[in-house]
């Protein structure tokens, strides 16, 4: 033969060694009337999935002969990771997100997409819930050959008071595929155990600032701390006690301001100036009730103001 090559086309005009920097070609081997040639591709990439032609040219005879073979390439199983947020203790009635990432090696150099499946501890597929408590974000390409999906609980629960128990082992399965029928799917899974702790009781503290002398300024602050990320802020309010009931401060023309700093709610009674009628017992009451999980708590503390 005048020419003997492996090509991307039947005419032999697109040599594999010219179009692929990872391809190495051997010399023509002859054994009697049998000729052989080999092209080695290392590493195999998804872009190598195509038709290959063994082309023999007999120029003097004006004859070109070829044989064709299709090369299928399987996408390697992606490397997987699962990350919980928060990364420390997970408390009921707080948000929880589980991020699943799948990273492909550089040999996957063509367009691919990913589909995620989340499996709960009961081995059931997880879907978005109508109440919005559970959300599954589909697999999304985030760059660097990496896909990401997030499973969100808002809030998470351990089932001690409410109907949901989210504790147990979760599985994320990522399937990477291509529109090219010669590129076969790559699949991998990863699991993570989720432990949901009992929510700690709220903490209450009363502090004061200023002078209780009539005509001067005096503040009483009730600080209520709940677990970080609690899905509902607690209700915190001051009342003034009398012999038979609790009086609303607004009705008594006593000012109070609320400042929320993360997981701490501060409600401050402002007496400026202090009046003789301000004397008496003040009570701070705090409570919350999470409807989705039925978790609830309350507390109260009193402060007796003696006016000088």
C-alpha atoms as a PDB file:
ATOM      1  CA  UNK A   1       0.000   0.000   0.000  1.00  0.00           C
ATOM      2  CA  UNK A   2       1.003   3.608  -0.656  1.00  0.00           C
ATOM      3  CA  UNK A   3      -0.360   4.678   2.702  1.00  0.00           C
ATOM      4  CA  UNK A   4      -1.675   2.837   5.705  1.00  0.00           C
ATOM      5  CA  UNK A   5      -3.151   4.872   8.545  1.00  0.00           C
ATOM      6  CA  UNK A   6      -5.783   5.236  11.236  1.00  0.00           C
ATOM      7  CA  UNK A   7      -8.038   8.198  10.614  1.00  0.00           C
ATOM      8  CA  UNK A   8     -11.157   9.998  11.770  1.00  0.00           C
ATOM      9  CA  UNK A   9     -12.557   9.797   8.229  1.00  0.00           C
ATOM     10  CA  UNK A  10     -12.842   7.099   5.576  1.00  0.00           C
ATOM     11  CA  UNK A  11     -10.762   9.052   3.097  1.00  0.00           C
ATOM     12  CA  UNK A  12      -7.792   9.075   5.420  1.00  0.00           C
ATOM     13  CA  UNK A  13      -7.433  12.871   5.430  1.00  0.00           C
ATOM     14  CA  UNK A  14      -7.812  13.294   9.220  1.00  0.00           C
ATOM     15  CA  UNK A  15      -5.081  11.247  10.861  1.00  0.00           C
ATOM     16  CA  UNK A  16      -5.625  10.481  14.528  1.00  0.00           C
ATOM     17  CA  UNK A  17      -2.015  11.332  15.366  1.00  0.00           C
ATOM     18  CA  UNK A  18      -2.497  14.783  13.805  1.00  0.00           C
ATOM     19  CA  UNK A  19      -5.710  15.557  15.652  1.00  0.00           C
ATOM     20  CA  UNK A  20      -4.913  14.078  19.071  1.00  0.00           C
ATOM     21  CA  UNK A  21      -1.830  15.096  21.029  1.00  0.00           C
ATOM     22  CA  UNK A  22      -2.257  12.052  23.291  1.00  0.00           C
ATOM     23  CA  UNK A  23      -2.055   9.602  20.357  1.00  0.00           C
ATOM     24  CA  UNK A  24       1.116   7.683  19.481  1.00  0.00           C
ATOM     25  CA  UNK A  25       1.479   5.678  16.268  1.00  0.00           C
ATOM     26  CA  UNK A  26       3.528   2.542  15.732  1.00  0.00           C
ATOM     27  CA  UNK A  27       5.383   1.646  12.572  1.00  0.00           C
ATOM     28  CA  UNK A  28       3.703  -0.513   9.967  1.00  0.00           C
ATOM     29  CA  UNK A  29       4.212  -4.160  10.793  1.00  0.00           C
ATOM     30  CA  UNK A  30       4.290  -6.694   7.962  1.00  0.00           C
ATOM     31  CA  UNK A  31       3.801 -10.416   8.357  1.00  0.00           C
ATOM     32  CA  UNK A  32       3.591 -11.957   4.926  1.00  0.00           C
ATOM     33  CA  UNK A  33       0.656 -10.334   3.242  1.00  0.00           C
ATOM     34  CA  UNK A  34      -0.697  -8.998   6.543  1.00  0.00           C
ATOM     35  CA  UNK A  35       0.011  -5.366   7.407  1.00  0.00           C
ATOM     36  CA  UNK A  36      -0.765  -3.902  10.827  1.00  0.00           C
ATOM     37  CA  UNK A  37      -0.540  -0.471  12.441  1.00  0.00           C
ATOM     38  CA  UNK A  38      -1.412   0.603  15.948  1.00  0.00           C
ATOM     39  CA  UNK A  39      -2.343   3.970  17.465  1.00  0.00           C
ATOM     40  CA  UNK A  40      -2.205   4.226  21.246  1.00  0.00           C
ATOM     41  CA  UNK A  41      -4.245   6.944  23.001  1.00  0.00           C
ATOM     42  CA  UNK A  42      -3.214   7.585  26.579  1.00  0.00           C
ATOM     43  CA  UNK A  43      -5.119   8.776  28.470  1.00  0.00           C
ATOM     44  CA  UNK A  44      -8.481   8.101  26.920  1.00  0.00           C
ATOM     45  CA  UNK A  45     -10.741  11.169  27.146  1.00  0.00           C
ATOM     46  CA  UNK A  46     -14.430  11.524  26.498  1.00  0.00           C
ATOM     47  CA  UNK A  47     -13.564  13.476  23.352  1.00  0.00           C
ATOM     48  CA  UNK A  48     -12.001  10.257  22.005  1.00  0.00           C
ATOM     49  CA  UNK A  49     -15.429   8.637  21.748  1.00  0.00           C
ATOM     50  CA  UNK A  50     -16.011   8.608  17.979  1.00  0.00           C
ATOM     51  CA  UNK A  51     -15.662   6.534  14.800  1.00  0.00           C
ATOM     52  CA  UNK A  52     -12.188   5.372  13.781  1.00  0.00           C
ATOM     53  CA  UNK A  53     -11.184   4.225  10.282  1.00  0.00           C
ATOM     54  CA  UNK A  54      -8.355   1.945   9.289  1.00  0.00           C
ATOM     55  CA  UNK A  55      -7.513   3.252   5.811  1.00  0.00           C
ATOM     56  CA  UNK A  56      -5.333   1.560   3.172  1.00  0.00           C
ATOM     57  CA  UNK A  57      -4.380   3.548   0.060  1.00  0.00           C
ATOM     58  CA  UNK A  58      -3.175   1.904  -3.157  1.00  0.00           C
ATOM     59  CA  UNK A  59      -2.303   5.035  -5.089  1.00  0.00           C
ATOM     60  CA  UNK A  60      -1.108   3.268  -8.264  1.00  0.00           C
ATOM     61  CA  UNK A  61      -4.366   1.360  -8.460  1.00  0.00           C
ATOM     62  CA  UNK A  62      -6.491   4.360  -7.427  1.00  0.00           C
ATOM     63  CA  UNK A  63      -7.994   2.287  -4.646  1.00  0.00           C
ATOM     64  CA  UNK A  64      -8.808   3.308  -1.064  1.00  0.00           C
ATOM     65  CA  UNK A  65     -10.026   0.597   1.283  1.00  0.00           C
ATOM     66  CA  UNK A  66     -11.155   1.067   4.892  1.00  0.00           C
ATOM     67  CA  UNK A  67     -12.765  -0.572   7.859  1.00  0.00           C
ATOM     68  CA  UNK A  68     -14.670   1.279  10.582  1.00  0.00           C
ATOM     69  CA  UNK A  69     -14.916   0.834  14.340  1.00  0.00           C
ATOM     70  CA  UNK A  70     -16.816   2.894  16.955  1.00  0.00           C
ATOM     71  CA  UNK A  71     -15.076   3.627  20.265  1.00  0.00           C
ATOM     72  CA  UNK A  72     -17.273   4.007  23.335  1.00  0.00           C
ATOM     73  CA  UNK A  73     -15.845   5.763  26.413  1.00  0.00           C
ATOM     74  CA  UNK A  74     -17.213   5.450  29.942  1.00  0.00           C
ATOM     75  CA  UNK A  75     -17.234   8.531  32.154  1.00  0.00           C
ATOM     76  CA  UNK A  76     -15.134   7.713  35.237  1.00  0.00           C
ATOM     77  CA  UNK A  77     -16.976   7.603  38.562  1.00  0.00           C
ATOM     78  CA  UNK A  78     -16.769  11.091  40.058  1.00  0.00           C
ATOM     79  CA  UNK A  79     -15.110  11.665  43.408  1.00  0.00           C
ATOM     80  CA  UNK A  80     -17.787  12.537  45.963  1.00  0.00           C
ATOM     81  CA  UNK A  81     -18.082  14.563  49.145  1.00  0.00           C
ATOM     82  CA  UNK A  82     -20.880  15.404  51.583  1.00  0.00           C
ATOM     83  CA  UNK A  83     -20.693  18.492  53.803  1.00  0.00           C
ATOM     84  CA  UNK A  84     -23.148  19.300  56.591  1.00  0.00           C
ATOM     85  CA  UNK A  85     -23.938  22.877  57.605  1.00  0.00           C
ATOM     86  CA  UNK A  86     -23.758  23.521  60.478  1.00  0.00           C
ATOM     87  CA  UNK A  87     -20.674  21.337  60.758  1.00  0.00           C
ATOM     88  CA  UNK A  88     -20.928  20.922  64.536  1.00  0.00           C
ATOM     89  CA  UNK A  89     -23.893  19.970  66.693  1.00  0.00           C
ATOM     90  CA  UNK A  90     -27.192  19.887  64.786  1.00  0.00           C
ATOM     91  CA  UNK A  91     -30.172  20.988  66.876  1.00  0.00           C
ATOM     92  CA  UNK A  92     -33.836  20.356  66.142  1.00  0.00           C
ATOM     93  CA  UNK A  93     -35.886  23.351  64.938  1.00  0.00           C
ATOM     94  CA  UNK A  94     -32.861  24.838  63.165  1.00  0.00           C
ATOM     95  CA  UNK A  95     -31.927  24.741  59.460  1.00  0.00           C
ATOM     96  CA  UNK A  96     -29.701  21.987  58.111  1.00  0.00           C
ATOM     97  CA  UNK A  97     -28.176  21.762  54.652  1.00  0.00           C
ATOM     98  CA  UNK A  98     -26.291  18.789  53.209  1.00  0.00           C
ATOM     99  CA  UNK A  99     -24.156  19.630  50.183  1.00  0.00           C
ATOM    100  CA  UNK A 100     -23.230  16.810  47.806  1.00  0.00           C
ATOM    101  CA  UNK A 101     -20.444  17.452  45.299  1.00  0.00           C
ATOM    102  CA  UNK A 102     -19.224  15.264  42.453  1.00  0.00           C
ATOM    103  CA  UNK A 103     -15.893  16.096  40.812  1.00  0.00           C
ATOM    104  CA  UNK A 104     -14.815  14.556  37.506  1.00  0.00           C
ATOM    105  CA  UNK A 105     -11.210  14.024  36.360  1.00  0.00           C
ATOM    106  CA  UNK A 106      -9.792  16.127  33.540  1.00  0.00           C
ATOM    107  CA  UNK A 107     -10.250  13.258  31.034  1.00  0.00           C
ATOM    108  CA  UNK A 108     -13.922  14.283  30.953  1.00  0.00           C
ATOM    109  CA  UNK A 109     -13.395  17.132  28.499  1.00  0.00           C
ATOM    110  CA  UNK A 110     -16.738  17.263  26.710  1.00  0.00           C
ATOM    111  CA  UNK A 111     -20.094  18.667  27.773  1.00  0.00           C
ATOM    112  CA  UNK A 112     -21.820  16.515  30.384  1.00  0.00           C
ATOM    113  CA  UNK A 113     -24.723  16.946  32.775  1.00  0.00           C
ATOM    114  CA  UNK A 114     -25.537  15.454  36.165  1.00  0.00           C
ATOM    115  CA  UNK A 115     -28.660  14.122  37.838  1.00  0.00           C
ATOM    116  CA  UNK A 116     -28.853  13.680  41.596  1.00  0.00           C
ATOM    117  CA  UNK A 117     -30.879  11.262  43.708  1.00  0.00           C
ATOM    118  CA  UNK A 118     -31.196  11.756  47.469  1.00  0.00           C
ATOM    119  CA  UNK A 119     -32.233   8.736  49.548  1.00  0.00           C
ATOM    120  CA  UNK A 120     -33.496   9.091  53.135  1.00  0.00           C
ATOM    121  CA  UNK A 121     -32.835   6.708  56.063  1.00  0.00           C
ATOM    122  CA  UNK A 122     -35.995   4.775  55.114  1.00  0.00           C
ATOM    123  CA  UNK A 123     -34.449   4.162  51.661  1.00  0.00           C
ATOM    124  CA  UNK A 124     -37.063   6.348  49.977  1.00  0.00           C
ATOM    125  CA  UNK A 125     -36.361   8.996  47.360  1.00  0.00           C
ATOM    126  CA  UNK A 126     -36.436  12.534  48.773  1.00  0.00           C
ATOM    127  CA  UNK A 127     -38.568  15.167  47.049  1.00  0.00           C
ATOM    128  CA  UNK A 128     -39.528  18.756  47.827  1.00  0.00           C
ATOM    129  CA  UNK A 129     -42.321  18.892  50.406  1.00  0.00           C
ATOM    130  CA  UNK A 130     -45.441  21.031  50.051  1.00  0.00           C
ATOM    131  CA  UNK A 131     -44.845  22.764  53.374  1.00  0.00           C
ATOM    132  CA  UNK A 132     -41.401  23.902  52.228  1.00  0.00           C
ATOM    133  CA  UNK A 133     -39.644  22.106  55.076  1.00  0.00           C
ATOM    134  CA  UNK A 134     -37.570  19.899  52.772  1.00  0.00           C
ATOM    135  CA  UNK A 135     -36.018  21.225  49.554  1.00  0.00           C
ATOM    136  CA  UNK A 136     -33.816  19.403  47.040  1.00  0.00           C
ATOM    137  CA  UNK A 137     -31.724  21.651  44.821  1.00  0.00           C
ATOM    138  CA  UNK A 138     -30.911  19.884  41.533  1.00  0.00           C
ATOM    139  CA  UNK A 139     -27.341  19.141  40.509  1.00  0.00           C
ATOM    140  CA  UNK A 140     -25.697  22.277  39.157  1.00  0.00           C
ATOM    141  CA  UNK A 141     -22.343  22.727  37.425  1.00  0.00           C
ATOM    142  CA  UNK A 142     -20.175  25.008  39.578  1.00  0.00           C
ATOM    143  CA  UNK A 143     -16.948  24.890  37.566  1.00  0.00           C
ATOM    144  CA  UNK A 144     -13.736  22.842  37.744  1.00  0.00           C
ATOM    145  CA  UNK A 145     -15.554  19.740  36.426  1.00  0.00           C
ATOM    146  CA  UNK A 146     -17.695  19.748  39.586  1.00  0.00           C
ATOM    147  CA  UNK A 147     -21.443  19.381  40.113  1.00  0.00           C
ATOM    148  CA  UNK A 148     -23.243  20.277  43.326  1.00  0.00           C
ATOM    149  CA  UNK A 149     -26.630  19.508  44.858  1.00  0.00           C
ATOM    150  CA  UNK A 150     -27.995  20.645  48.222  1.00  0.00           C
ATOM    151  CA  UNK A 151     -30.571  18.975  50.472  1.00  0.00           C
ATOM    152  CA  UNK A 152     -32.153  21.534  52.820  1.00  0.00           C
ATOM    153  CA  UNK A 153     -34.207  20.977  55.975  1.00  0.00           C
ATOM    154  CA  UNK A 154     -35.866  24.113  57.347  1.00  0.00           C
ATOM    155  CA  UNK A 155     -36.147  23.126  60.081  1.00  0.00           C
ATOM    156  CA  UNK A 156     -34.633  19.732  60.845  1.00  0.00           C
ATOM    157  CA  UNK A 157     -36.266  17.591  63.533  1.00  0.00           C
ATOM    158  CA  UNK A 158     -35.637  14.484  65.598  1.00  0.00           C
ATOM    159  CA  UNK A 159     -39.275  13.518  66.085  1.00  0.00           C
ATOM    160  CA  UNK A 160     -39.396  13.906  69.865  1.00  0.00           C
ATOM    161  CA  UNK A 161     -42.364  16.295  69.759  1.00  0.00           C
ATOM    162  CA  UNK A 162     -43.435  16.534  66.116  1.00  0.00           C
ATOM    163  CA  UNK A 163     -44.205  14.127  63.265  1.00  0.00           C
ATOM    164  CA  UNK A 164     -40.799  14.311  61.541  1.00  0.00           C
ATOM    165  CA  UNK A 165     -37.692  12.329  62.366  1.00  0.00           C
ATOM    166  CA  UNK A 166     -34.786  13.333  60.134  1.00  0.00           C
ATOM    167  CA  UNK A 167     -32.089  11.343  61.916  1.00  0.00           C
ATOM    168  CA  UNK A 168     -30.248   8.561  60.105  1.00  0.00           C
ATOM    169  CA  UNK A 169     -28.059   7.801  57.107  1.00  0.00           C
ATOM    170  CA  UNK A 170     -28.566   9.818  53.919  1.00  0.00           C
ATOM    171  CA  UNK A 171     -27.319   8.766  50.494  1.00  0.00           C
ATOM    172  CA  UNK A 172     -26.459  11.027  47.581  1.00  0.00           C
ATOM    173  CA  UNK A 173     -26.145   9.422  44.149  1.00  0.00           C
ATOM    174  CA  UNK A 174     -24.766  11.474  41.265  1.00  0.00           C
ATOM    175  CA  UNK A 175     -25.168  10.230  37.688  1.00  0.00           C
ATOM    176  CA  UNK A 176     -23.093  12.036  35.057  1.00  0.00           C
ATOM    177  CA  UNK A 177     -24.197  11.635  31.444  1.00  0.00           C
ATOM    178  CA  UNK A 178     -23.628  12.951  27.946  1.00  0.00           C
ATOM    179  CA  UNK A 179     -25.858  13.545  24.925  1.00  0.00           C
ATOM    180  CA  UNK A 180     -23.315  11.534  22.929  1.00  0.00           C
ATOM    181  CA  UNK A 181     -24.467   7.916  22.748  1.00  0.00           C
ATOM    182  CA  UNK A 182     -20.825   6.757  22.604  1.00  0.00           C
ATOM    183  CA  UNK A 183     -20.126   8.262  26.052  1.00  0.00           C
ATOM    184  CA  UNK A 184     -21.447   6.027  28.829  1.00  0.00           C
ATOM    185  CA  UNK A 185     -22.704   7.285  32.196  1.00  0.00           C
ATOM    186  CA  UNK A 186     -20.511   7.606  35.255  1.00  0.00           C
ATOM    187  CA  UNK A 187     -22.142   7.004  38.654  1.00  0.00           C
ATOM    188  CA  UNK A 188     -21.057   7.221  42.271  1.00  0.00           C
ATOM    189  CA  UNK A 189     -22.666   7.438  45.720  1.00  0.00           C
ATOM    190  CA  UNK A 190     -21.768   8.699  49.169  1.00  0.00           C
ATOM    191  CA  UNK A 191     -23.495   8.495  52.567  1.00  0.00           C
ATOM    192  CA  UNK A 192     -23.549  10.520  55.771  1.00  0.00           C
ATOM    193  CA  UNK A 193     -25.142   9.890  59.164  1.00  0.00           C
ATOM    194  CA  UNK A 194     -27.194  12.774  60.577  1.00  0.00           C
ATOM    195  CA  UNK A 195     -27.725  13.094  64.333  1.00  0.00           C
ATOM    196  CA  UNK A 196     -30.208  15.727  65.549  1.00  0.00           C
ATOM    197  CA  UNK A 197     -29.842  16.839  69.158  1.00  0.00           C
ATOM    198  CA  UNK A 198     -32.530  18.018  71.559  1.00  0.00           C
ATOM    199  CA  UNK A 199     -32.890  21.786  71.503  1.00  0.00           C
ATOM    200  CA  UNK A 200     -31.444  23.332  74.684  1.00  0.00           C
ATOM    201  CA  UNK A 201     -33.716  25.498  76.868  1.00  0.00           C
ATOM    202  CA  UNK A 202     -33.688  29.233  76.331  1.00  0.00           C
ATOM    203  CA  UNK A 203     -31.527  31.288  78.690  1.00  0.00           C
ATOM    204  CA  UNK A 204     -32.732  34.484  80.356  1.00  0.00           C
ATOM    205  CA  UNK A 205     -30.753  37.174  82.152  1.00  0.00           C
ATOM    206  CA  UNK A 206     -31.757  40.544  83.605  1.00  0.00           C
ATOM    207  CA  UNK A 207     -29.312  43.439  83.846  1.00  0.00           C
ATOM    208  CA  UNK A 208     -29.669  47.097  84.850  1.00  0.00           C
ATOM    209  CA  UNK A 209     -27.953  50.351  84.084  1.00  0.00           C
ATOM    210  CA  UNK A 210     -28.277  53.845  85.550  1.00  0.00           C
ATOM    211  CA  UNK A 211     -29.711  55.279  88.775  1.00  0.00           C
ATOM    212  CA  UNK A 212     -33.011  54.627  90.553  1.00  0.00           C
ATOM    213  CA  UNK A 213     -33.110  58.156  91.950  1.00  0.00           C
ATOM    214  CA  UNK A 214     -36.214  60.097  90.897  1.00  0.00           C
ATOM    215  CA  UNK A 215     -35.408  62.361  87.970  1.00  0.00           C
ATOM    216  CA  UNK A 216     -32.460  60.363  86.697  1.00  0.00           C
ATOM    217  CA  UNK A 217     -32.313  57.611  84.037  1.00  0.00           C
ATOM    218  CA  UNK A 218     -32.557  53.869  84.630  1.00  0.00           C
ATOM    219  CA  UNK A 219     -32.721  50.922  82.229  1.00  0.00           C
ATOM    220  CA  UNK A 220     -33.769  47.303  82.842  1.00  0.00           C
ATOM    221  CA  UNK A 221     -32.722  44.824  80.139  1.00  0.00           C
ATOM    222  CA  UNK A 222     -34.032  41.309  79.659  1.00  0.00           C
ATOM    223  CA  UNK A 223     -31.678  39.249  77.503  1.00  0.00           C
ATOM    224  CA  UNK A 224     -32.971  35.972  76.055  1.00  0.00           C
ATOM    225  CA  UNK A 225     -30.641  33.577  74.283  1.00  0.00           C
ATOM    226  CA  UNK A 226     -31.856  30.678  72.147  1.00  0.00           C
ATOM    227  CA  UNK A 227     -29.939  28.131  70.100  1.00  0.00           C
ATOM    228  CA  UNK A 228     -28.192  29.585  67.047  1.00  0.00           C
ATOM    229  CA  UNK A 229     -30.379  29.353  63.949  1.00  0.00           C
ATOM    230  CA  UNK A 230     -33.725  28.746  65.663  1.00  0.00           C
ATOM    231  CA  UNK A 231     -36.243  29.164  62.832  1.00  0.00           C
ATOM    232  CA  UNK A 232     -38.466  31.490  64.871  1.00  0.00           C
ATOM    233  CA  UNK A 233     -37.422  34.346  67.114  1.00  0.00           C
ATOM    234  CA  UNK A 234     -38.787  34.078  70.670  1.00  0.00           C
ATOM    235  CA  UNK A 235     -41.447  36.458  71.895  1.00  0.00           C
ATOM    236  CA  UNK A 236     -39.939  38.602  74.658  1.00  0.00           C
ATOM    237  CA  UNK A 237     -41.913  41.244  76.569  1.00  0.00           C
ATOM    238  CA  UNK A 238     -41.860  43.192  79.821  1.00  0.00           C
ATOM    239  CA  UNK A 239     -44.910  43.676  82.044  1.00  0.00           C
ATOM    240  CA  UNK A 240     -45.447  45.637  85.285  1.00  0.00           C
ATOM    241  CA  UNK A 241     -47.151  43.792  88.088  1.00  0.00           C
ATOM    242  CA  UNK A 242     -49.826  45.168  90.378  1.00  0.00           C
ATOM    243  CA  UNK A 243     -51.937  43.465  93.003  1.00  0.00           C
ATOM    244  CA  UNK A 244     -54.225  41.713  90.531  1.00  0.00           C
ATOM    245  CA  UNK A 245     -52.731  41.695  87.044  1.00  0.00           C
ATOM    246  CA  UNK A 246     -49.830  42.417  84.715  1.00  0.00           C
ATOM    247  CA  UNK A 247     -49.889  45.792  83.054  1.00  0.00           C
ATOM    248  CA  UNK A 248     -48.786  46.366  79.459  1.00  0.00           C
ATOM    249  CA  UNK A 249     -45.955  48.897  79.377  1.00  0.00           C
ATOM    250  CA  UNK A 250     -47.476  50.817  76.470  1.00  0.00           C
ATOM    251  CA  UNK A 251     -50.615  51.412  78.465  1.00  0.00           C
ATOM    252  CA  UNK A 252     -48.460  52.681  81.340  1.00  0.00           C
ATOM    253  CA  UNK A 253     -46.546  55.020  79.002  1.00  0.00           C
ATOM    254  CA  UNK A 254     -43.300  53.196  79.746  1.00  0.00           C
ATOM    255  CA  UNK A 255     -40.958  52.845  76.764  1.00  0.00           C
ATOM    256  CA  UNK A 256     -39.259  49.577  75.820  1.00  0.00           C
ATOM    257  CA  UNK A 257     -37.002  48.822  72.868  1.00  0.00           C
ATOM    258  CA  UNK A 258     -36.094  45.467  71.298  1.00  0.00           C
ATOM    259  CA  UNK A 259     -32.678  44.710  69.790  1.00  0.00           C
ATOM    260  CA  UNK A 260     -32.004  41.324  68.163  1.00  0.00           C
ATOM    261  CA  UNK A 261     -28.351  40.303  67.910  1.00  0.00           C
ATOM    262  CA  UNK A 262     -28.096  36.869  66.312  1.00  0.00           C
ATOM    263  CA  UNK A 263     -29.501  34.359  68.772  1.00  0.00           C
ATOM    264  CA  UNK A 264     -29.930  36.961  71.555  1.00  0.00           C
ATOM    265  CA  UNK A 265     -33.031  39.130  71.945  1.00  0.00           C
ATOM    266  CA  UNK A 266     -32.619  42.133  74.239  1.00  0.00           C
ATOM    267  CA  UNK A 267     -35.685  44.026  75.461  1.00  0.00           C
ATOM    268  CA  UNK A 268     -34.902  47.124  77.523  1.00  0.00           C
ATOM    269  CA  UNK A 269     -37.290  49.106  79.709  1.00  0.00           C
ATOM    270  CA  UNK A 270     -36.278  52.776  79.547  1.00  0.00           C
ATOM    271  CA  UNK A 271     -37.194  54.974  82.503  1.00  0.00           C
ATOM    272  CA  UNK A 272     -36.017  58.460  81.603  1.00  0.00           C
ATOM    273  CA  UNK A 273     -36.629  60.129  83.906  1.00  0.00           C
ATOM    274  CA  UNK A 274     -37.371  57.779  86.793  1.00  0.00           C
ATOM    275  CA  UNK A 275     -40.702  58.636  88.411  1.00  0.00           C
ATOM    276  CA  UNK A 276     -42.032  57.603  91.801  1.00  0.00           C
ATOM    277  CA  UNK A 277     -44.869  55.654  90.138  1.00  0.00           C
ATOM    278  CA  UNK A 278     -42.297  53.502  88.318  1.00  0.00           C
ATOM    279  CA  UNK A 279     -41.611  51.617  91.537  1.00  0.00           C
ATOM    280  CA  UNK A 280     -42.821  48.018  91.701  1.00  0.00           C
ATOM    281  CA  UNK A 281     -42.247  44.571  90.231  1.00  0.00           C
ATOM    282  CA  UNK A 282     -41.488  44.098  86.532  1.00  0.00           C
ATOM    283  CA  UNK A 283     -41.654  40.687  84.890  1.00  0.00           C
ATOM    284  CA  UNK A 284     -39.971  39.584  81.671  1.00  0.00           C
ATOM    285  CA  UNK A 285     -41.702  36.731  79.822  1.00  0.00           C
ATOM    286  CA  UNK A 286     -40.185  34.867  76.863  1.00  0.00           C
ATOM    287  CA  UNK A 287     -41.575  31.991  74.811  1.00  0.00           C
ATOM    288  CA  UNK A 288     -41.544  30.342  71.403  1.00  0.00           C
ATOM    289  CA  UNK A 289     -43.554  27.593  69.691  1.00  0.00           C
ATOM    290  CA  UNK A 290     -42.239  26.087  66.439  1.00  0.00           C
ATOM    291  CA  UNK A 291     -45.349  24.931  64.581  1.00  0.00           C
ATOM    292  CA  UNK A 292     -43.619  22.477  62.193  1.00  0.00           C
ATOM    293  CA  UNK A 293     -41.791  20.587  64.951  1.00  0.00           C
ATOM    294  CA  UNK A 294     -44.009  21.334  67.984  1.00  0.00           C
ATOM    295  CA  UNK A 295     -40.907  22.366  69.932  1.00  0.00           C
ATOM    296  CA  UNK A 296     -41.737  24.992  72.548  1.00  0.00           C
ATOM    297  CA  UNK A 297     -40.177  26.650  75.573  1.00  0.00           C
ATOM    298  CA  UNK A 298     -40.842  29.551  77.930  1.00  0.00           C
ATOM    299  CA  UNK A 299     -39.317  31.319  80.916  1.00  0.00           C
ATOM    300  CA  UNK A 300     -39.873  34.384  83.066  1.00  0.00           C
ATOM    301  CA  UNK A 301     -37.980  36.446  85.616  1.00  0.00           C
ATOM    302  CA  UNK A 302     -38.982  39.285  87.909  1.00  0.00           C
ATOM    303  CA  UNK A 303     -37.186  42.474  88.859  1.00  0.00           C
ATOM    304  CA  UNK A 304     -38.306  44.711  91.732  1.00  0.00           C
ATOM    305  CA  UNK A 305     -37.597  48.385  91.216  1.00  0.00           C
ATOM    306  CA  UNK A 306     -37.183  50.454  94.367  1.00  0.00           C
ATOM    307  CA  UNK A 307     -37.237  54.157  93.631  1.00  0.00           C
ATOM    308  CA  UNK A 308     -35.088  56.398  95.849  1.00  0.00           C
END
